[in-house]
Amino acid sequence: MSAALLKLIGVSKNFGGLKALAGINFEVNSGEILGLIGPNGAGKTVCFNLISGVYRPSSGEIVFDGRRTDSKTPHQIAQLGVGRTFQIVKPFATLSVLENVLVARGIYRYNHFSRIWSSWKSASEIKAGLRMLERVGLADLAQRKAGLLPLGNLRRLEIARALIVGKRLILLDESFSGLRHEEIAQLEALIRSIRSDGLTVLLIEHNMRVAMGLCDRLVVLDHGCKIAEGSPDAIQHNEKVIEAYLGRKGTQDAA
């Protein structure tokens, strides 16, 4: 078993009197694809926001690559090599596809004062951006305004921006949402190739066919609590998951 790259240890998050997460424990092993699933309101995106530094835990610890990150800011966590996408795709619509990637790459450019004055569109930066667009299948659209892209390509652009930041861990928040069958298959292949490149993937996904087929392991949340963890086959037959998430009849049919 690979060493754990990310650990959540007793992580809770309260918003006033609302407990969004309660004592969550799980690990993401280096080089795996781990799925975080559960019904709407289970706390999945809150969990992503804690990992990426948008929120700070009310209690518990988040450890990335051996160091605690639960008190770090989003840009500090990004500089450690953690990239993420969001449920709602919001590119810089008036910038080109390439420029959107170059903006994301700035997280590494502007961590030193001397780099502030260097061009964000230098030949080396453009070359790196084009390589990333080639990686996700958008190189031929590099000069297209991002606001003109259809949803499938916008999802790929989001992943490109996450990849150029996340050199160690990628958080994918419902990246398959709204896609056609063919686009889903292509995106599954892309994510598998990302893992083959040595990256670790943590994803939120409501499409159970995708989650079961793509993930090595699954963690299931319900009402802010972890109710199950295991292989896709074990999760598919877990009674708590059947009752809380999949629905008894639908899961028995799927099995």
C-alpha atoms as a PDB file:
ATOM      1  CA  MET A   1       0.000   0.000   0.000  1.00  0.00           C
ATOM      2  CA  SER A   2       1.310   3.460  -0.917  1.00  0.00           C
ATOM      3  CA  ALA A   3       1.960   5.969   1.845  1.00  0.00           C
ATOM      4  CA  ALA A   4      -0.814   8.397   2.700  1.00  0.00           C
ATOM      5  CA  LEU A   5      -0.350  11.738   0.930  1.00  0.00           C
ATOM      6  CA  LEU A   6      -3.336  13.382   2.642  1.00  0.00           C
ATOM      7  CA  LYS A   7      -4.870  12.674   6.044  1.00  0.00           C
ATOM      8  CA  LEU A   8      -7.999  14.043   7.682  1.00  0.00           C
ATOM      9  CA  ILE A   9      -7.920  13.339  11.404  1.00  0.00           C
ATOM     10  CA  GLY A  10     -11.077  14.000  13.410  1.00  0.00           C
ATOM     11  CA  VAL A  11     -12.028  16.942  11.185  1.00  0.00           C
ATOM     12  CA  SER A  12     -15.186  18.839  12.102  1.00  0.00           C
ATOM     13  CA  LYS A  13     -16.644  22.062  10.721  1.00  0.00           C
ATOM     14  CA  ASN A  14     -19.403  24.124  12.307  1.00  0.00           C
ATOM     15  CA  PHE A  15     -21.215  27.106  10.838  1.00  0.00           C
ATOM     16  CA  GLY A  16     -22.825  28.651  13.878  1.00  0.00           C
ATOM     17  CA  GLY A  17     -25.145  25.991  15.228  1.00  0.00           C
ATOM     18  CA  LEU A  18     -24.918  23.885  12.059  1.00  0.00           C
ATOM     19  CA  LYS A  19     -22.462  20.988  12.129  1.00  0.00           C
ATOM     20  CA  ALA A  20     -21.440  20.491   8.495  1.00  0.00           C
ATOM     21  CA  LEU A  21     -18.790  17.836   9.237  1.00  0.00           C
ATOM     22  CA  ALA A  22     -18.364  15.748  12.384  1.00  0.00           C
ATOM     23  CA  GLY A  23     -15.138  13.949  13.220  1.00  0.00           C
ATOM     24  CA  ILE A  24     -14.161  12.928   9.679  1.00  0.00           C
ATOM     25  CA  ASN A  25     -11.238  10.516   9.335  1.00  0.00           C
ATOM     26  CA  PHE A  26      -9.825   9.237   6.058  1.00  0.00           C
ATOM     27  CA  GLU A  27      -6.582   9.044   4.108  1.00  0.00           C
ATOM     28  CA  VAL A  28      -5.737   9.484   0.440  1.00  0.00           C
ATOM     29  CA  ASN A  29      -2.862   7.257  -0.592  1.00  0.00           C
ATOM     30  CA  SER A  30      -0.224   8.524  -2.962  1.00  0.00           C
ATOM     31  CA  GLY A  31      -1.042   7.592  -6.553  1.00  0.00           C
ATOM     32  CA  GLU A  32      -4.652   6.516  -6.036  1.00  0.00           C
ATOM     33  CA  ILE A  33      -8.025   7.796  -7.199  1.00  0.00           C
ATOM     34  CA  LEU A  34     -10.263   8.198  -4.159  1.00  0.00           C
ATOM     35  CA  GLY A  35     -13.929   9.061  -4.537  1.00  0.00           C
ATOM     36  CA  LEU A  36     -15.826  11.157  -1.995  1.00  0.00           C
ATOM     37  CA  ILE A  37     -19.529  10.448  -2.436  1.00  0.00           C
ATOM     38  CA  GLY A  38     -22.809  11.005  -0.640  1.00  0.00           C
ATOM     39  CA  PRO A  39     -26.197  12.679  -1.044  1.00  0.00           C
ATOM     40  CA  ASN A  40     -26.661  16.429  -1.456  1.00  0.00           C
ATOM     41  CA  GLY A  41     -25.786  18.216   1.775  1.00  0.00           C
ATOM     42  CA  ALA A  42     -23.520  15.411   2.995  1.00  0.00           C
ATOM     43  CA  GLY A  43     -20.548  17.765   3.410  1.00  0.00           C
ATOM     44  CA  LYS A  44     -18.436  16.802   0.405  1.00  0.00           C
ATOM     45  CA  THR A  45     -17.697  20.296  -0.886  1.00  0.00           C
ATOM     46  CA  VAL A  46     -17.184  21.562   2.660  1.00  0.00           C
ATOM     47  CA  CYS A  47     -14.530  18.856   2.930  1.00  0.00           C
ATOM     48  CA  PHE A  48     -12.869  20.092  -0.282  1.00  0.00           C
ATOM     49  CA  ASN A  49     -12.963  23.670   1.004  1.00  0.00           C
ATOM     50  CA  LEU A  50     -11.208  22.576   4.190  1.00  0.00           C
ATOM     51  CA  ILE A  51      -8.522  20.655   2.318  1.00  0.00           C
ATOM     52  CA  SER A  52      -7.859  23.568  -0.051  1.00  0.00           C
ATOM     53  CA  GLY A  53      -7.819  26.200   2.710  1.00  0.00           C
ATOM     54  CA  VAL A  54     -11.043  28.039   1.908  1.00  0.00           C
ATOM     55  CA  TYR A  55     -12.301  27.108   5.392  1.00  0.00           C
ATOM     56  CA  ARG A  56     -10.462  26.181   8.559  1.00  0.00           C
ATOM     57  CA  PRO A  57     -11.644  23.221  10.627  1.00  0.00           C
ATOM     58  CA  SER A  58     -13.513  23.843  13.857  1.00  0.00           C
ATOM     59  CA  SER A  59     -11.502  20.913  15.209  1.00  0.00           C
ATOM     60  CA  GLY A  60      -9.213  18.170  13.956  1.00  0.00           C
ATOM     61  CA  GLU A  61      -6.145  18.100  11.742  1.00  0.00           C
ATOM     62  CA  ILE A  62      -5.457  18.038   8.005  1.00  0.00           C
ATOM     63  CA  VAL A  63      -2.018  16.719   7.074  1.00  0.00           C
ATOM     64  CA  PHE A  64      -0.579  16.902   3.562  1.00  0.00           C
ATOM     65  CA  ASP A  65       2.695  15.144   2.816  1.00  0.00           C
ATOM     66  CA  GLY A  66       3.598  14.997   6.486  1.00  0.00           C
ATOM     67  CA  ARG A  67       2.842  18.617   7.405  1.00  0.00           C
ATOM     68  CA  ARG A  68      -0.271  20.169   8.887  1.00  0.00           C
ATOM     69  CA  THR A  69      -2.087  22.458   6.477  1.00  0.00           C
ATOM     70  CA  ASP A  70      -5.304  23.264   8.351  1.00  0.00           C
ATOM     71  CA  SER A  71      -4.051  26.748   9.290  1.00  0.00           C
ATOM     72  CA  LYS A  72      -2.665  27.599   5.856  1.00  0.00           C
ATOM     73  CA  THR A  73      -4.272  29.907   3.294  1.00  0.00           C
ATOM     74  CA  PRO A  74      -5.509  28.669  -0.114  1.00  0.00           C
ATOM     75  CA  HIS A  75      -2.490  30.069  -1.959  1.00  0.00           C
ATOM     76  CA  GLN A  76      -0.091  28.453   0.518  1.00  0.00           C
ATOM     77  CA  ILE A  77      -1.769  25.086   0.048  1.00  0.00           C
ATOM     78  CA  ALA A  78      -1.765  25.525  -3.729  1.00  0.00           C
ATOM     79  CA  GLN A  79       1.973  26.199  -3.615  1.00  0.00           C
ATOM     80  CA  LEU A  80       2.424  22.821  -1.914  1.00  0.00           C
ATOM     81  CA  GLY A  81       1.055  21.231  -5.096  1.00  0.00           C
ATOM     82  CA  VAL A  82      -2.693  20.960  -4.460  1.00  0.00           C
ATOM     83  CA  GLY A  83      -4.997  21.990  -7.317  1.00  0.00           C
ATOM     84  CA  ARG A  84      -8.780  21.885  -7.489  1.00  0.00           C
ATOM     85  CA  THR A  85     -11.768  22.399  -9.731  1.00  0.00           C
ATOM     86  CA  PHE A  86     -15.202  23.708  -8.757  1.00  0.00           C
ATOM     87  CA  GLN A  87     -18.761  22.495  -9.312  1.00  0.00           C
ATOM     88  CA  ILE A  88     -19.662  25.627 -11.268  1.00  0.00           C
ATOM     89  CA  VAL A  89     -17.173  26.398 -14.021  1.00  0.00           C
ATOM     90  CA  LYS A  90     -16.234  30.074 -14.055  1.00  0.00           C
ATOM     91  CA  PRO A  91     -13.374  30.841 -16.439  1.00  0.00           C
ATOM     92  CA  PHE A  92     -12.106  34.322 -17.150  1.00  0.00           C
ATOM     93  CA  ALA A  93     -14.548  34.565 -20.033  1.00  0.00           C
ATOM     94  CA  THR A  94     -12.876  37.380 -21.966  1.00  0.00           C
ATOM     95  CA  LEU A  95      -9.413  35.835 -21.756  1.00  0.00           C
ATOM     96  CA  SER A  96      -8.238  33.138 -24.124  1.00  0.00           C
ATOM     97  CA  VAL A  97      -8.051  29.496 -23.116  1.00  0.00           C
ATOM     98  CA  LEU A  98      -4.258  29.800 -22.938  1.00  0.00           C
ATOM     99  CA  GLU A  99      -4.431  32.950 -20.829  1.00  0.00           C
ATOM    100  CA  ASN A 100      -6.733  31.195 -18.356  1.00  0.00           C
ATOM    101  CA  VAL A 101      -4.057  28.554 -17.825  1.00  0.00           C
ATOM    102  CA  LEU A 102      -1.288  31.147 -17.528  1.00  0.00           C
ATOM    103  CA  VAL A 103      -3.254  32.997 -14.829  1.00  0.00           C
ATOM    104  CA  ALA A 104      -3.450  29.778 -12.792  1.00  0.00           C
ATOM    105  CA  ARG A 105       0.274  29.197 -13.295  1.00  0.00           C
ATOM    106  CA  GLY A 106       0.885  32.517 -11.559  1.00  0.00           C
ATOM    107  CA  ILE A 107       0.603  30.802  -8.160  1.00  0.00           C
ATOM    108  CA  TYR A 108       4.201  29.677  -8.655  1.00  0.00           C
ATOM    109  CA  ARG A 109       5.422  32.802 -10.439  1.00  0.00           C
ATOM    110  CA  TYR A 110       4.482  35.367  -7.827  1.00  0.00           C
ATOM    111  CA  ASN A 111       5.806  33.689  -4.692  1.00  0.00           C
ATOM    112  CA  HIS A 112       9.028  35.682  -5.001  1.00  0.00           C
ATOM    113  CA  PHE A 113       9.289  39.467  -5.229  1.00  0.00           C
ATOM    114  CA  SER A 114      11.731  39.445  -8.145  1.00  0.00           C
ATOM    115  CA  ARG A 115       9.254  37.562 -10.324  1.00  0.00           C
ATOM    116  CA  ILE A 116       6.487  40.144  -9.982  1.00  0.00           C
ATOM    117  CA  TRP A 117       8.098  42.281 -12.665  1.00  0.00           C
ATOM    118  CA  SER A 118       8.690  39.481 -15.154  1.00  0.00           C
ATOM    119  CA  SER A 119       6.234  38.902 -17.999  1.00  0.00           C
ATOM    120  CA  TRP A 120       3.417  36.427 -17.415  1.00  0.00           C
ATOM    121  CA  LYS A 121       3.389  35.868 -21.189  1.00  0.00           C
ATOM    122  CA  SER A 122       7.050  35.065 -21.697  1.00  0.00           C
ATOM    123  CA  ALA A 123       8.030  32.392 -24.212  1.00  0.00           C
ATOM    124  CA  SER A 124       8.698  29.879 -21.438  1.00  0.00           C
ATOM    125  CA  GLU A 125       5.345  30.534 -19.773  1.00  0.00           C
ATOM    126  CA  ILE A 126       3.454  30.211 -23.041  1.00  0.00           C
ATOM    127  CA  LYS A 127       5.277  26.974 -23.819  1.00  0.00           C
ATOM    128  CA  ALA A 128       4.315  25.542 -20.434  1.00  0.00           C
ATOM    129  CA  GLY A 129       0.695  26.613 -20.922  1.00  0.00           C
ATOM    130  CA  LEU A 130       0.497  25.069 -24.366  1.00  0.00           C
ATOM    131  CA  ARG A 131       1.944  21.812 -23.054  1.00  0.00           C
ATOM    132  CA  MET A 132      -0.803  21.690 -20.460  1.00  0.00           C
ATOM    133  CA  LEU A 133      -3.503  22.400 -23.036  1.00  0.00           C
ATOM    134  CA  GLU A 134      -2.085  19.622 -25.190  1.00  0.00           C
ATOM    135  CA  ARG A 135      -2.269  17.375 -22.144  1.00  0.00           C
ATOM    136  CA  VAL A 136      -6.014  17.910 -21.748  1.00  0.00           C
ATOM    137  CA  GLY A 137      -6.861  18.024 -25.467  1.00  0.00           C
ATOM    138  CA  LEU A 138      -7.415  21.776 -25.851  1.00  0.00           C
ATOM    139  CA  ALA A 139      -4.261  22.866 -27.696  1.00  0.00           C
ATOM    140  CA  ASP A 140      -6.189  23.673 -30.888  1.00  0.00           C
ATOM    141  CA  LEU A 141      -8.428  26.039 -28.900  1.00  0.00           C
ATOM    142  CA  ALA A 142      -5.625  27.924 -27.157  1.00  0.00           C
ATOM    143  CA  GLN A 143      -6.564  31.321 -28.656  1.00  0.00           C
ATOM    144  CA  ARG A 144     -10.352  30.875 -28.343  1.00  0.00           C
ATOM    145  CA  LYS A 145     -12.105  33.094 -25.803  1.00  0.00           C
ATOM    146  CA  ALA A 146     -12.847  30.876 -22.817  1.00  0.00           C
ATOM    147  CA  GLY A 147     -16.388  32.222 -22.551  1.00  0.00           C
ATOM    148  CA  LEU A 148     -17.210  30.704 -25.944  1.00  0.00           C
ATOM    149  CA  LEU A 149     -16.354  27.117 -24.995  1.00  0.00           C
ATOM    150  CA  PRO A 150     -19.065  24.479 -24.543  1.00  0.00           C
ATOM    151  CA  LEU A 151     -19.365  22.785 -21.148  1.00  0.00           C
ATOM    152  CA  GLY A 152     -17.256  19.734 -22.027  1.00  0.00           C
ATOM    153  CA  ASN A 153     -14.282  21.879 -22.988  1.00  0.00           C
ATOM    154  CA  LEU A 154     -14.819  24.161 -20.006  1.00  0.00           C
ATOM    155  CA  ARG A 155     -14.503  21.123 -17.742  1.00  0.00           C
ATOM    156  CA  ARG A 156     -11.202  20.284 -19.449  1.00  0.00           C
ATOM    157  CA  LEU A 157     -10.020  23.862 -19.027  1.00  0.00           C
ATOM    158  CA  GLU A 158     -10.815  23.667 -15.301  1.00  0.00           C
ATOM    159  CA  ILE A 159      -8.750  20.499 -15.066  1.00  0.00           C
ATOM    160  CA  ALA A 160      -5.881  22.133 -16.979  1.00  0.00           C
ATOM    161  CA  ARG A 161      -5.854  25.025 -14.521  1.00  0.00           C
ATOM    162  CA  ALA A 162      -5.935  22.612 -11.592  1.00  0.00           C
ATOM    163  CA  LEU A 163      -3.135  20.497 -13.054  1.00  0.00           C
ATOM    164  CA  ILE A 164      -0.801  23.413 -13.655  1.00  0.00           C
ATOM    165  CA  VAL A 165      -1.183  24.220  -9.942  1.00  0.00           C
ATOM    166  CA  GLY A 166      -1.574  20.728  -8.493  1.00  0.00           C
ATOM    167  CA  LYS A 167       1.698  18.909  -9.000  1.00  0.00           C
ATOM    168  CA  ARG A 168       0.908  16.398  -6.257  1.00  0.00           C
ATOM    169  CA  LEU A 169      -2.848  16.240  -5.570  1.00  0.00           C
ATOM    170  CA  ILE A 170      -5.868  17.145  -7.708  1.00  0.00           C
ATOM    171  CA  LEU A 171      -9.327  17.754  -6.209  1.00  0.00           C
ATOM    172  CA  LEU A 172     -12.080  17.306  -8.803  1.00  0.00           C
ATOM    173  CA  ASP A 173     -15.484  18.623  -7.716  1.00  0.00           C
ATOM    174  CA  GLU A 174     -18.166  17.015  -9.929  1.00  0.00           C
ATOM    175  CA  SER A 175     -16.104  17.360 -13.098  1.00  0.00           C
ATOM    176  CA  PHE A 176     -18.433  14.981 -14.975  1.00  0.00           C
ATOM    177  CA  SER A 177     -21.602  16.939 -14.230  1.00  0.00           C
ATOM    178  CA  GLY A 178     -23.627  17.842 -17.312  1.00  0.00           C
ATOM    179  CA  LEU A 179     -21.462  15.928 -19.788  1.00  0.00           C
ATOM    180  CA  ARG A 180     -22.634  13.642 -22.569  1.00  0.00           C
ATOM    181  CA  HIS A 181     -21.787   9.940 -22.568  1.00  0.00           C
ATOM    182  CA  GLU A 182     -18.917  10.343 -25.034  1.00  0.00           C
ATOM    183  CA  GLU A 183     -17.475  13.279 -23.074  1.00  0.00           C
ATOM    184  CA  ILE A 184     -17.671  11.264 -19.852  1.00  0.00           C
ATOM    185  CA  ALA A 185     -15.688   8.414 -21.405  1.00  0.00           C
ATOM    186  CA  GLN A 186     -13.027  10.829 -22.673  1.00  0.00           C
ATOM    187  CA  LEU A 187     -12.743  12.528 -19.291  1.00  0.00           C
ATOM    188  CA  GLU A 188     -12.439   9.178 -17.515  1.00  0.00           C
ATOM    189  CA  ALA A 189      -9.517   8.330 -19.798  1.00  0.00           C
ATOM    190  CA  LEU A 190      -7.911  11.698 -19.039  1.00  0.00           C
ATOM    191  CA  ILE A 191      -8.177  11.196 -15.279  1.00  0.00           C
ATOM    192  CA  ARG A 192      -6.709   7.705 -15.510  1.00  0.00           C
ATOM    193  CA  SER A 193      -3.800   9.121 -17.496  1.00  0.00           C
ATOM    194  CA  ILE A 194      -3.303  11.824 -14.847  1.00  0.00           C
ATOM    195  CA  ARG A 195      -2.942   9.104 -12.253  1.00  0.00           C
ATOM    196  CA  SER A 196      -0.547   7.234 -14.550  1.00  0.00           C
ATOM    197  CA  ASP A 197       1.622  10.358 -14.565  1.00  0.00           C
ATOM    198  CA  GLY A 198       2.044   9.957 -10.810  1.00  0.00           C
ATOM    199  CA  LEU A 199      -0.586  12.365  -9.512  1.00  0.00           C
ATOM    200  CA  THR A 200      -3.084  11.585  -6.778  1.00  0.00           C
ATOM    201  CA  VAL A 201      -6.770  12.295  -7.388  1.00  0.00           C
ATOM    202  CA  LEU A 202      -9.559  12.984  -4.896  1.00  0.00           C
ATOM    203  CA  LEU A 203     -12.914  13.478  -6.569  1.00  0.00           C
ATOM    204  CA  ILE A 204     -16.518  14.233  -5.697  1.00  0.00           C
ATOM    205  CA  GLU A 205     -18.937  12.536  -8.052  1.00  0.00           C
ATOM    206  CA  HIS A 206     -22.704  11.973  -8.156  1.00  0.00           C
ATOM    207  CA  ASN A 207     -22.621   9.737 -11.229  1.00  0.00           C
ATOM    208  CA  MET A 208     -22.357   6.370  -9.530  1.00  0.00           C
ATOM    209  CA  ARG A 209     -21.369   4.538 -12.699  1.00  0.00           C
ATOM    210  CA  VAL A 210     -18.375   6.873 -13.014  1.00  0.00           C
ATOM    211  CA  ALA A 211     -17.480   6.674  -9.318  1.00  0.00           C
ATOM    212  CA  MET A 212     -17.674   2.878  -9.208  1.00  0.00           C
ATOM    213  CA  GLY A 213     -15.682   2.411 -12.401  1.00  0.00           C
ATOM    214  CA  LEU A 214     -13.013   5.061 -11.909  1.00  0.00           C
ATOM    215  CA  CYS A 215     -12.123   5.062  -8.216  1.00  0.00           C
ATOM    216  CA  ASP A 216      -9.826   2.674  -6.379  1.00  0.00           C
ATOM    217  CA  ARG A 217     -11.635   3.362  -3.103  1.00  0.00           C
ATOM    218  CA  LEU A 218     -14.669   5.338  -1.961  1.00  0.00           C
ATOM    219  CA  VAL A 219     -15.458   7.329   1.165  1.00  0.00           C
ATOM    220  CA  VAL A 220     -19.157   7.938   1.799  1.00  0.00           C
ATOM    221  CA  LEU A 221     -20.498  10.910   3.761  1.00  0.00           C
ATOM    222  CA  ASP A 222     -24.035  11.437   5.009  1.00  0.00           C
ATOM    223  CA  HIS A 223     -25.219  14.414   7.056  1.00  0.00           C
ATOM    224  CA  GLY A 224     -21.624  15.408   7.776  1.00  0.00           C
ATOM    225  CA  CYS A 225     -20.525  11.983   9.017  1.00  0.00           C
ATOM    226  CA  LYS A 226     -18.474   9.245   7.369  1.00  0.00           C
ATOM    227  CA  ILE A 227     -20.691   6.183   7.098  1.00  0.00           C
ATOM    228  CA  ALA A 228     -18.540   3.886   4.958  1.00  0.00           C
ATOM    229  CA  GLU A 229     -15.153   3.459   3.308  1.00  0.00           C
ATOM    230  CA  GLY A 230     -13.871   0.731   1.019  1.00  0.00           C
ATOM    231  CA  SER A 231     -13.648  -0.680  -2.482  1.00  0.00           C
ATOM    232  CA  PRO A 232     -16.377   0.166  -5.003  1.00  0.00           C
ATOM    233  CA  ASP A 233     -17.752  -3.373  -4.717  1.00  0.00           C
ATOM    234  CA  ALA A 234     -17.882  -3.199  -0.918  1.00  0.00           C
ATOM    235  CA  ILE A 235     -19.551   0.212  -0.986  1.00  0.00           C
ATOM    236  CA  GLN A 236     -22.126  -0.931  -3.529  1.00  0.00           C
ATOM    237  CA  HIS A 237     -23.278  -3.639  -1.104  1.00  0.00           C
ATOM    238  CA  ASN A 238     -22.971  -1.642   2.122  1.00  0.00           C
ATOM    239  CA  GLU A 239     -26.360  -1.420   3.870  1.00  0.00           C
ATOM    240  CA  LYS A 240     -25.745   2.055   5.284  1.00  0.00           C
ATOM    241  CA  VAL A 241     -24.868   3.362   1.848  1.00  0.00           C
ATOM    242  CA  ILE A 242     -27.861   1.666   0.270  1.00  0.00           C
ATOM    243  CA  GLU A 243     -30.202   3.320   2.745  1.00  0.00           C
ATOM    244  CA  ALA A 244     -28.568   6.743   2.965  1.00  0.00           C
ATOM    245  CA  TYR A 245     -27.350   7.424  -0.548  1.00  0.00           C
ATOM    246  CA  LEU A 246     -28.174   5.047  -3.361  1.00  0.00           C
ATOM    247  CA  GLY A 247     -31.646   4.020  -2.321  1.00  0.00           C
ATOM    248  CA  ARG A 248     -32.358   0.401  -1.522  1.00  0.00           C
ATOM    249  CA  LYS A 249     -34.164  -0.527  -4.731  1.00  0.00           C
ATOM    250  CA  GLY A 250     -31.797   1.298  -7.082  1.00  0.00           C
ATOM    251  CA  THR A 251     -28.702  -0.223  -5.530  1.00  0.00           C
ATOM    252  CA  GLN A 252     -30.046  -3.744  -5.558  1.00  0.00           C
ATOM    253  CA  ASP A 253     -30.847  -3.307  -9.238  1.00  0.00           C
ATOM    254  CA  ALA A 254     -27.313  -1.997  -9.880  1.00  0.00           C
ATOM    255  CA  ALA A 255     -25.781  -4.918  -8.036  1.00  0.00           C
END
